[in-house]
């Protein structure tokens, strides 16, 4: 549901940044996360209809990223696609295992 409308390019209304969607990373109750490219930088692009939730998440990331406890958020913006408004956060992309993969593997000693 979230993926189909966001194939191709997403362009923010306020900042004007363009993100080329490369693949879907995952989805949850409030939106989906995509691997995207903005210029020469790979980013995680979280797209949601829940603006308040994204603002809260953006603030938490801003607070904790300088200490290395969270990925760095780059910007928050919104996009209108096919008459439907969605909001997004672009976040530093950190390649690694998903939480599901880590839990499936179990503890390592």
Foldseek 3Di string as FASTA:
>chain_A
DQPVQPAAWFAFPPPRFIWHFDAWPAADDFFTWTFTDTPPATWIKTKGQPPVVVVVVLVVQCVCVVVPPHWHWDDKGWGATPNDIIIIITTHDDDDDDPVVDVVVPDDD
